[in-house]
Every structure is written in C-alpha cells, then in structure tokens.
Amino acid sequence: MPLGLYVHVPFCSAICNYCNFNRGLFDEGLKARYVVALLAEIRRSAERTTGADTIFFGGGTPSLLEPAEIASLIAACRESFALAADAEITMEANPETVTPERLELFRAAGVNRLSYGVQSFRDEELRRLSRLHSASRAREAVAMARAAGFDNLSLDLMMWLPQQAVAEWLESVDGLIALDPDHASLYLLELYPNAPLRDEMARAKWSLAPDDDAAEMYLQAMERLDRAGYTQYEISNVARHNRVSRHNLKYWQDGEWLGFGCGAHSTRAGTRWKNISSTAEYIAAVGHGGQLGVDRRALSADEQLEEALFTGLRLTSGVDLDAIQARYGVDVWGRYGRELQPFVDEGLLIYDRRLRLTRAGMLLANEIMAVFISSNVR
C-alpha cells in the first residue's frame, strides 16, 4: 500500500472548550516560520522513489493557511515522494474560515477533498462547544465549497453533547443529510480530564444523556444515513460511492504513513514515533537540523498483530483472517476464538473467514477488542 502523508497545522482562531489536539491560537509570524519549517522537514524526509497516494492537512485549522502556502506544501510533497497523479489531497476547514475566493484558490492549489468541522446544526449546541460558526454559516460554507468545484466534501458531527436529547441530535443528522455531503463522520464527544467544558458543565448543571440514549443516537443516525443512500464503512464513517477517505483507510487497514509538523505521528516498517509537540521547539529543531522524532519505538510482533486487529475491526468489512495469517503467521480464530465465540453467539460479531462487528457489536467494540489484549497478556 502506498504511503499516506499527514501534514499538521496547529493554529486555530479560537480554542474549543472540548479539544485535546495539539493546537494553539493563530499567530501570523509564528505561522510563517512554521510553514518554512514544514517545507524543510518534508524535503529532508524525501524518498523520491517511494509511492504516496494521499496527503491530509489536519489540525488545528489548516484553512487558516494561505492558499499559496498550501500549494507550496503540496508541491514539496510531490517533489519529495512519488505522489500518485490521482492522489487524494484533503484539507480540514472550519466554516467560519472560508470564503468563495479562498476556496477557489485552495482548489487550484491542489486540494481535492474538503472536510468541514461542523459538529452540530443547532446554534445552542455550537455555543456550548465554543464554536465560532453558526448552523447557517455551515450551510453557506457547503454551498461555497460546491461552487468552488469540490466534489468530495466531508462533514463532521458530534453526538452526546451536553444537554443533547436524541431528537435534538437527529435534527443535526437530518441537517447533514439535507446538504448531501459525499462523506460524513459521526463521533461521540470525548471529555478529556482537564477540558474546560467539564467546568462549564458543572457550573451550568449541564448533563450528558444516559448511555442507552447515546446508543440510540448512534443507531438511529446510522439508520437515517442508510435510508439516505450512504454506506457505512467504518464505525464512525459513511460515504457515497467511491468517496471513502482513502487516507484514513491507511490507519484502519494496517498501512503506513509519515507525519510532518509538530506533534505529528508516523508509522513505518513496524516502528512508531511522533514529532516534538511544541510549535516553537519544532521550528527551532528543524532550523538547526536537530532530532524531530520522539517516543520512537519498535512495535513487537504481538503489538503489530493487535493493532491490525483493533483497527481492522473498526471497518464494516472487518478483518481478513487469511491476510492476517499470511502477514503475521497467526491463526486468529485459533488464538482468540474461545473468547470471541460468546460475542458471535450474542449476534455482536460475525466469523466467516473474516471477523466483522455487527452494528450492535459496534456499540460494544472496545469490550470485544479487549479480547486481543487480554489473551496476549496471559
């Protein structure tokens, strides 16, 4: 499988109260120095005969970069790797950061897939998440993207928000369907320990719906998306025909990728590492030719197997057990079957030379996947 290239852009117009990504407030001077450092890192990592077929600009808010800067980064990737002519080039964007003119220039720069962080189509929920855009602005941003020629558009939604009931969540799902994106990602809100949103919830006495309601949110959303003609291909992702995220599939299909920028993660030849997290320290390290990768470690054979099973099981197509045996020399059912059989009996897992979660099983994915760790620990 060709490499995926990930380019991290850590700048945001505002810091969302739930976010735990590697990011900071936008600073024009720091941004300019950062782009120079990114270009240098990409070029010094060059493997001109190594094939790559995806570039993913994530963040942060990559749409805060100038189109010319995005163009220069894409050009550096093309110069440094054997980038496929039909490469999928994704840029994450927030609705408030785009204009018709900027979108046309991003498209001309080479971006051919756009991913909007919408999160909700209810203004009250957006305010609770400290998002800068409104529901109407999100709809305008979608129209702008279509007018600029983007025919591969993804929208993100978040469920299980503070004070959110099932019916309110489904309003956002219906709002997304009405806009007819090519791809959609639906995620549960995860509150990390020091998230400011935790304190705001305590002060305002906002609560989360019961777990049973969260499960109902997921199941009803997927049923509506089914009826609207979308195909679920991963626990949290659906797509129109030929519009799955080719880049993200690398994470779920035991692929390899190189990450550029502060805090970016890479996986290659059984080794995993991440870059220095601090933006300023990253720029300085690139400038003096220092070591960027930290926490570098070689994954054991069992760890590689576990990750292939964990990530592969997230896909609706599941895990090809013959391919796993060919690559890792392990009979998966022979090793784990005794502990997995109860999940098959309960209708949560399907075993037919592939291992696949049913939709009900996706609600208990972590419990099922824990089998792969517990068996190896013993």
Protein backbone atom coordinates (compact mmCIF):
# COMPACT_ATOMS: atom_id res chain seq x y z
CA MET A 1 0.00 0.00 0.00
CA PRO A 2 1.42 3.45 -0.88
CA LEU A 3 2.31 5.80 1.94
CA GLY A 4 -0.05 8.39 3.36
CA LEU A 5 1.39 11.82 4.11
CA TYR A 6 -0.05 13.77 7.05
CA VAL A 7 0.71 17.49 7.49
CA HIS A 8 -0.18 19.01 10.85
CA VAL A 9 -1.28 22.66 11.09
CA PRO A 10 -1.62 23.58 14.79
CA PHE A 11 -3.27 27.00 14.50
CA CYS A 12 -6.85 27.88 15.47
CA SER A 13 -8.88 31.09 15.55
CA ALA A 14 -10.15 30.06 18.99
CA ILE A 15 -9.61 27.08 21.26
CA CYS A 16 -12.70 24.90 21.57
CA ASN A 17 -13.53 24.00 25.15
CA TYR A 18 -13.55 20.25 24.50
CA CYS A 19 -10.48 19.91 22.26
CA ASN A 20 -7.36 17.98 23.25
CA PHE A 21 -5.50 18.14 19.94
CA ASN A 22 -2.04 19.66 19.53
CA ARG A 23 -3.01 23.26 18.71
CA GLY A 24 -2.67 26.92 19.69
CA LEU A 25 -4.04 30.34 18.79
CA PHE A 26 -3.20 31.73 15.37
CA ASP A 27 -0.15 33.99 15.17
CA GLU A 28 0.81 35.33 11.75
CA GLY A 29 4.56 35.49 12.38
CA LEU A 30 4.71 32.08 14.01
CA LYS A 31 2.63 30.63 11.20
CA ALA A 32 5.03 31.93 8.54
CA ARG A 33 8.04 30.42 10.34
CA TYR A 34 6.15 27.17 10.82
CA VAL A 35 5.41 26.78 7.10
CA VAL A 36 9.11 27.27 6.32
CA ALA A 37 9.94 24.55 8.86
CA LEU A 38 7.31 22.21 7.40
CA LEU A 39 8.75 22.63 3.92
CA ALA A 40 12.23 21.88 5.25
CA GLU A 41 11.07 18.75 7.11
CA ILE A 42 9.22 17.38 4.08
CA ARG A 43 12.21 17.94 1.81
CA ARG A 44 14.73 16.44 4.22
CA SER A 45 12.48 13.36 4.53
CA ALA A 46 12.41 12.89 0.75
CA GLU A 47 12.18 9.36 -0.66
CA ARG A 48 11.64 10.20 -4.29
CA THR A 49 11.01 6.63 -5.41
CA THR A 50 8.56 5.85 -2.60
CA GLY A 51 4.94 5.93 -3.68
CA ALA A 52 2.36 8.01 -1.82
CA ASP A 53 -1.27 8.47 -2.75
CA THR A 54 -2.79 10.68 -0.06
CA ILE A 55 -1.98 13.96 1.66
CA PHE A 56 -4.05 15.02 4.66
CA PHE A 57 -3.82 18.53 6.12
CA GLY A 58 -5.11 18.20 9.69
CA GLY A 59 -5.07 20.37 12.73
CA GLY A 60 -5.82 22.72 14.22
CA THR A 61 -7.41 24.56 11.36
CA PRO A 62 -5.41 24.13 8.13
CA SER A 63 -7.72 26.53 6.27
CA LEU A 64 -6.07 29.36 8.22
CA LEU A 65 -3.02 28.94 5.99
CA GLU A 66 -2.92 30.95 2.79
CA PRO A 67 -3.74 29.02 -0.39
CA ALA A 68 -0.24 29.76 -1.68
CA GLU A 69 1.21 28.13 1.45
CA ILE A 70 -0.93 25.03 0.95
CA ALA A 71 0.20 24.97 -2.70
CA SER A 72 3.87 25.12 -1.67
CA LEU A 73 3.41 22.25 0.80
CA ILE A 74 1.69 20.09 -1.81
CA ALA A 75 4.49 20.88 -4.26
CA ALA A 76 7.10 19.86 -1.67
CA CYS A 77 5.31 16.54 -1.19
CA ARG A 78 5.27 15.98 -4.95
CA GLU A 79 8.99 16.79 -5.21
CA SER A 80 9.89 14.55 -2.28
CA PHE A 81 7.76 11.46 -2.95
CA ALA A 82 6.36 9.65 -5.97
CA LEU A 83 2.91 11.12 -5.43
CA ALA A 84 0.18 9.44 -7.48
CA ALA A 85 -1.41 11.54 -10.21
CA ASP A 86 -4.84 10.87 -8.69
CA ALA A 87 -3.71 11.46 -5.09
CA GLU A 88 -6.44 12.28 -2.59
CA ILE A 89 -5.49 15.63 -1.01
CA THR A 90 -7.67 16.51 1.98
CA MET A 91 -7.79 19.76 3.91
CA GLU A 92 -9.70 20.18 7.15
CA ALA A 93 -11.51 23.51 7.46
CA ASN A 94 -13.86 25.33 9.79
CA PRO A 95 -16.89 27.02 8.22
CA GLU A 96 -16.02 30.49 9.51
CA THR A 97 -12.57 30.47 7.89
CA VAL A 98 -13.60 30.11 4.25
CA THR A 99 -14.73 32.48 1.52
CA PRO A 100 -15.63 31.74 -2.11
CA GLU A 101 -12.33 33.24 -3.25
CA ARG A 102 -10.18 31.28 -0.79
CA LEU A 103 -11.93 28.02 -1.61
CA GLU A 104 -11.34 28.51 -5.32
CA LEU A 105 -7.66 29.15 -4.61
CA PHE A 106 -7.38 26.08 -2.34
CA ARG A 107 -8.93 24.03 -5.13
CA ALA A 108 -6.48 25.49 -7.64
CA ALA A 109 -3.62 24.73 -5.21
CA GLY A 110 -4.43 21.03 -5.50
CA VAL A 111 -6.80 20.32 -2.61
CA ASN A 112 -9.45 17.95 -3.96
CA ARG A 113 -11.16 16.84 -0.75
CA LEU A 114 -12.54 19.19 1.91
CA SER A 115 -13.51 18.20 5.44
CA TYR A 116 -15.60 20.67 7.46
CA GLY A 117 -15.76 20.50 11.24
CA VAL A 118 -19.46 21.34 11.60
CA GLN A 119 -20.17 19.37 14.83
CA SER A 120 -23.83 20.46 15.09
CA PHE A 121 -26.60 22.18 13.13
CA ARG A 122 -28.11 23.65 16.31
CA ASP A 123 -26.79 27.06 17.31
CA GLU A 124 -27.30 26.45 21.01
CA GLU A 125 -25.09 23.37 20.89
CA LEU A 126 -22.44 25.17 18.86
CA ARG A 127 -22.28 27.90 21.51
CA ARG A 128 -21.87 25.28 24.25
CA LEU A 129 -18.91 23.87 22.32
CA SER A 130 -17.44 27.39 21.91
CA ARG A 131 -17.53 27.04 18.13
CA LEU A 132 -17.24 30.28 16.15
CA HIS A 133 -19.66 29.41 13.35
CA SER A 134 -23.44 29.12 13.28
CA ALA A 135 -25.58 26.48 11.61
CA SER A 136 -26.43 28.89 8.80
CA ARG A 137 -22.75 29.66 8.28
CA ALA A 138 -22.04 25.93 7.96
CA ARG A 139 -24.70 25.65 5.25
CA GLU A 140 -23.20 28.65 3.44
CA ALA A 141 -19.74 27.07 3.63
CA VAL A 142 -21.05 23.90 1.99
CA ALA A 143 -22.60 25.92 -0.83
CA MET A 144 -19.33 27.82 -1.28
CA ALA A 145 -17.37 24.58 -1.49
CA ARG A 146 -19.67 23.17 -4.16
CA ALA A 147 -19.48 26.42 -6.15
CA ALA A 148 -15.67 26.25 -5.95
CA GLY A 149 -15.73 22.80 -7.56
CA PHE A 150 -15.30 20.48 -4.57
CA ASP A 151 -17.00 17.21 -5.44
CA ASN A 152 -15.53 15.33 -2.47
CA LEU A 153 -16.85 17.00 0.66
CA SER A 154 -16.97 15.56 4.17
CA LEU A 155 -18.84 16.89 7.21
CA ASP A 156 -18.12 16.05 10.88
CA LEU A 157 -20.83 15.87 13.54
CA MET A 158 -20.51 15.21 17.28
CA MET A 159 -23.13 13.38 19.32
CA TRP A 160 -23.78 13.00 23.04
CA LEU A 161 -23.27 16.72 23.65
CA PRO A 162 -24.18 18.41 26.95
CA GLN A 163 -27.98 18.61 27.36
CA GLN A 164 -28.48 16.90 23.99
CA ALA A 165 -31.52 14.64 23.65
CA VAL A 166 -31.95 12.02 20.94
CA ALA A 167 -34.42 14.17 18.97
CA GLU A 168 -32.05 17.15 19.03
CA TRP A 169 -29.17 15.03 17.78
CA LEU A 170 -31.30 13.74 14.93
CA GLU A 171 -32.02 17.35 13.89
CA SER A 172 -28.31 17.68 13.13
CA VAL A 173 -28.25 14.35 11.29
CA ASP A 174 -31.18 15.49 9.15
CA GLY A 175 -29.43 18.81 8.60
CA LEU A 176 -26.36 16.99 7.33
CA ILE A 177 -28.37 14.72 5.03
CA ALA A 178 -30.15 17.75 3.56
CA LEU A 179 -26.78 19.14 2.44
CA ASP A 180 -25.88 15.87 0.66
CA PRO A 181 -22.15 15.68 1.50
CA ASP A 182 -20.10 12.93 -0.09
CA HIS A 183 -18.81 11.67 3.25
CA ALA A 184 -19.71 12.10 6.91
CA SER A 185 -18.02 11.33 10.22
CA LEU A 186 -20.10 10.99 13.38
CA TYR A 187 -18.25 10.99 16.67
CA LEU A 188 -19.12 10.73 20.33
CA LEU A 189 -17.97 13.71 22.39
CA GLU A 190 -14.97 12.68 24.49
CA LEU A 191 -14.23 14.85 27.51
CA TYR A 192 -10.58 14.69 28.49
CA PRO A 193 -9.79 15.24 32.21
CA ASN A 194 -8.81 18.93 32.06
CA ALA A 195 -11.25 20.04 29.36
CA PRO A 196 -12.71 23.50 30.16
CA LEU A 197 -16.07 22.12 29.04
CA ARG A 198 -16.11 19.93 32.18
CA ASP A 199 -16.05 23.02 34.39
CA GLU A 200 -18.66 24.78 32.27
CA MET A 201 -20.92 21.74 32.53
CA ALA A 202 -20.56 21.72 36.32
CA ARG A 203 -21.31 25.45 36.64
CA ALA A 204 -24.29 25.37 34.27
CA LYS A 205 -25.51 21.98 35.55
CA TRP A 206 -25.41 20.57 32.03
CA SER A 207 -25.55 16.79 31.88
CA LEU A 208 -24.94 14.07 29.32
CA ALA A 209 -27.76 11.79 28.23
CA PRO A 210 -27.75 8.23 29.65
CA ASP A 211 -25.62 5.63 27.87
CA ASP A 212 -28.75 4.00 26.46
CA ASP A 213 -29.68 7.29 24.80
CA ALA A 214 -26.18 7.61 23.36
CA ALA A 215 -26.56 4.14 21.83
CA GLU A 216 -29.94 5.16 20.41
CA MET A 217 -28.39 8.31 18.93
CA TYR A 218 -25.83 6.20 17.10
CA LEU A 219 -28.23 3.54 15.85
CA GLN A 220 -30.92 5.95 14.67
CA ALA A 221 -28.36 8.18 12.94
CA MET A 222 -26.91 5.24 11.04
CA GLU A 223 -30.38 4.05 10.03
CA ARG A 224 -31.22 7.50 8.65
CA LEU A 225 -27.96 7.63 6.75
CA ASP A 226 -28.67 4.15 5.35
CA ARG A 227 -32.03 5.35 4.05
CA ALA A 228 -30.39 8.44 2.55
CA GLY A 229 -28.12 6.23 0.43
CA TYR A 230 -24.91 6.37 2.43
CA THR A 231 -22.82 3.26 3.05
CA GLN A 232 -21.25 2.79 6.44
CA TYR A 233 -17.66 1.59 6.01
CA GLU A 234 -16.26 2.23 9.50
CA ILE A 235 -17.72 2.57 12.98
CA SER A 236 -17.94 6.37 12.73
CA ASN A 237 -17.84 6.96 8.97
CA VAL A 238 -20.20 6.75 6.00
CA ALA A 239 -19.72 7.67 2.36
CA ARG A 240 -21.29 7.88 -1.05
CA HIS A 241 -19.97 5.54 -3.75
CA ASN A 242 -16.21 5.89 -4.24
CA ARG A 243 -15.92 8.61 -1.58
CA VAL A 244 -14.44 6.74 1.38
CA SER A 245 -11.47 8.51 2.99
CA ARG A 246 -8.52 6.85 1.29
CA HIS A 247 -6.13 8.44 3.77
CA ASN A 248 -7.95 7.27 6.88
CA LEU A 249 -8.21 3.76 5.45
CA LYS A 250 -4.44 3.54 5.90
CA TYR A 251 -4.97 3.80 9.67
CA TRP A 252 -7.57 1.04 9.61
CA GLN A 253 -6.01 -1.29 7.03
CA ASP A 254 -2.61 -1.78 8.63
CA GLY A 255 -0.99 0.79 6.36
CA GLU A 256 1.93 3.17 6.79
CA TRP A 257 2.15 6.94 6.93
CA LEU A 258 4.59 9.76 7.57
CA GLY A 259 3.56 12.76 9.66
CA PHE A 260 5.07 16.21 9.24
CA GLY A 261 4.78 19.09 11.71
CA CYS A 262 4.67 19.47 15.47
CA GLY A 263 3.13 16.51 17.27
CA ALA A 264 2.57 14.57 14.03
CA HIS A 265 2.63 10.78 14.33
CA SER A 266 4.25 8.33 11.90
CA THR A 267 4.13 4.54 11.48
CA ARG A 268 6.64 2.84 9.20
CA ALA A 269 8.17 -0.64 8.98
CA GLY A 270 6.90 -1.69 12.38
CA THR A 271 8.19 1.47 14.08
CA ARG A 272 6.12 4.30 15.52
CA TRP A 273 7.17 7.81 16.52
CA LYS A 274 5.84 11.31 16.89
CA ASN A 275 7.36 14.73 16.40
CA ILE A 276 8.13 17.29 19.10
CA SER A 277 4.78 18.72 20.26
CA SER A 278 5.74 22.36 20.89
CA THR A 279 5.40 24.52 17.79
CA ALA A 280 8.30 26.79 18.75
CA GLU A 281 10.56 23.87 19.69
CA TYR A 282 9.69 22.10 16.45
CA ILE A 283 10.64 25.17 14.39
CA ALA A 284 13.91 25.51 16.30
CA ALA A 285 14.77 21.82 15.88
CA VAL A 286 14.18 21.96 12.13
CA GLY A 287 16.27 25.12 11.93
CA HIS A 288 19.38 23.58 13.49
CA GLY A 289 18.92 20.13 11.98
CA GLY A 290 18.00 18.53 15.29
CA GLN A 291 16.08 15.35 16.00
CA LEU A 292 12.34 15.82 15.47
CA GLY A 293 11.05 12.35 16.30
CA VAL A 294 10.45 11.47 19.94
CA ASP A 295 8.90 8.41 21.64
CA ARG A 296 10.28 6.26 18.86
CA ARG A 297 9.73 2.57 19.45
CA ALA A 298 9.62 -0.65 17.51
CA LEU A 299 6.34 -2.50 17.90
CA SER A 300 6.61 -6.14 18.90
CA ALA A 301 5.06 -8.78 16.67
CA ASP A 302 2.15 -9.14 19.10
CA GLU A 303 1.63 -5.36 19.20
CA GLN A 304 1.54 -5.17 15.40
CA LEU A 305 -0.96 -8.01 15.30
CA GLU A 306 -3.15 -6.40 17.99
CA GLU A 307 -3.17 -3.08 16.14
CA ALA A 308 -4.08 -4.74 12.84
CA LEU A 309 -7.00 -6.50 14.57
CA PHE A 310 -8.09 -3.43 16.55
CA THR A 311 -8.11 -1.06 13.61
CA GLY A 312 -9.37 -3.58 11.06
CA LEU A 313 -12.32 -4.50 13.22
CA ARG A 314 -13.48 -0.88 13.05
CA LEU A 315 -14.25 -1.39 9.37
CA THR A 316 -17.62 -2.83 8.37
CA SER A 317 -15.71 -5.19 6.04
CA GLY A 318 -13.84 -6.40 9.10
CA VAL A 319 -10.54 -8.27 9.24
CA ASP A 320 -9.41 -10.67 6.52
CA LEU A 321 -8.15 -13.57 8.62
CA ASP A 322 -6.28 -15.19 5.72
CA ALA A 323 -4.39 -11.93 5.09
CA ILE A 324 -3.55 -11.67 8.80
CA GLN A 325 -2.23 -15.23 8.82
CA ALA A 326 -0.15 -14.57 5.72
CA ARG A 327 1.34 -11.38 7.17
CA TYR A 328 1.76 -12.33 10.83
CA GLY A 329 1.75 -16.13 10.78
CA VAL A 330 -1.10 -16.26 13.31
CA ASP A 331 -4.35 -18.20 13.16
CA VAL A 332 -6.56 -15.51 14.71
CA TRP A 333 -9.53 -17.76 15.44
CA GLY A 334 -7.24 -20.43 16.80
CA ARG A 335 -5.70 -17.94 19.22
CA TYR A 336 -8.74 -15.85 20.19
CA GLY A 337 -11.76 -17.89 19.14
CA ARG A 338 -12.69 -19.28 22.56
CA GLU A 339 -13.06 -15.75 23.97
CA LEU A 340 -14.68 -14.33 20.85
CA GLN A 341 -17.30 -17.07 20.48
CA PRO A 342 -19.69 -15.57 23.11
CA PHE A 343 -19.84 -12.34 21.06
CA VAL A 344 -20.67 -14.39 17.95
CA ASP A 345 -23.40 -16.21 19.89
CA GLU A 346 -24.88 -12.87 21.01
CA GLY A 347 -25.04 -11.51 17.45
CA LEU A 348 -22.34 -8.90 18.06
CA LEU A 349 -19.63 -10.45 15.90
CA ILE A 350 -19.62 -12.38 12.62
CA TYR A 351 -16.99 -15.05 11.90
CA ASP A 352 -16.80 -16.29 8.30
CA ARG A 353 -13.09 -16.21 7.44
CA ARG A 354 -13.45 -12.56 8.06
CA LEU A 355 -14.10 -11.13 11.50
CA ARG A 356 -16.75 -8.39 11.44
CA LEU A 357 -18.70 -6.43 14.02
CA THR A 358 -22.45 -6.17 13.57
CA ARG A 359 -23.90 -2.72 14.11
CA ALA A 360 -24.98 -3.77 17.59
CA GLY A 361 -21.45 -5.02 18.13
CA MET A 362 -20.05 -1.62 17.23
CA LEU A 363 -21.66 -0.27 20.38
CA LEU A 364 -19.50 -2.69 22.38
CA ALA A 365 -16.42 -2.51 20.17
CA ASN A 366 -13.99 -1.69 22.98
CA GLU A 367 -15.19 -4.63 25.06
CA ILE A 368 -14.81 -7.01 22.13
CA MET A 369 -11.43 -5.64 21.08
CA ALA A 370 -10.15 -6.02 24.65
CA VAL A 371 -10.00 -9.77 23.97
CA PHE A 372 -6.92 -9.23 21.81
CA ILE A 373 -5.04 -7.66 24.70
CA SER A 374 -6.23 -9.94 27.49
CA SER A 375 -5.29 -13.09 25.55
CA ASN A 376 -1.76 -11.88 24.90
CA VAL A 377 -1.23 -10.66 28.47
CA ARG A 378 -1.84 -14.18 29.76
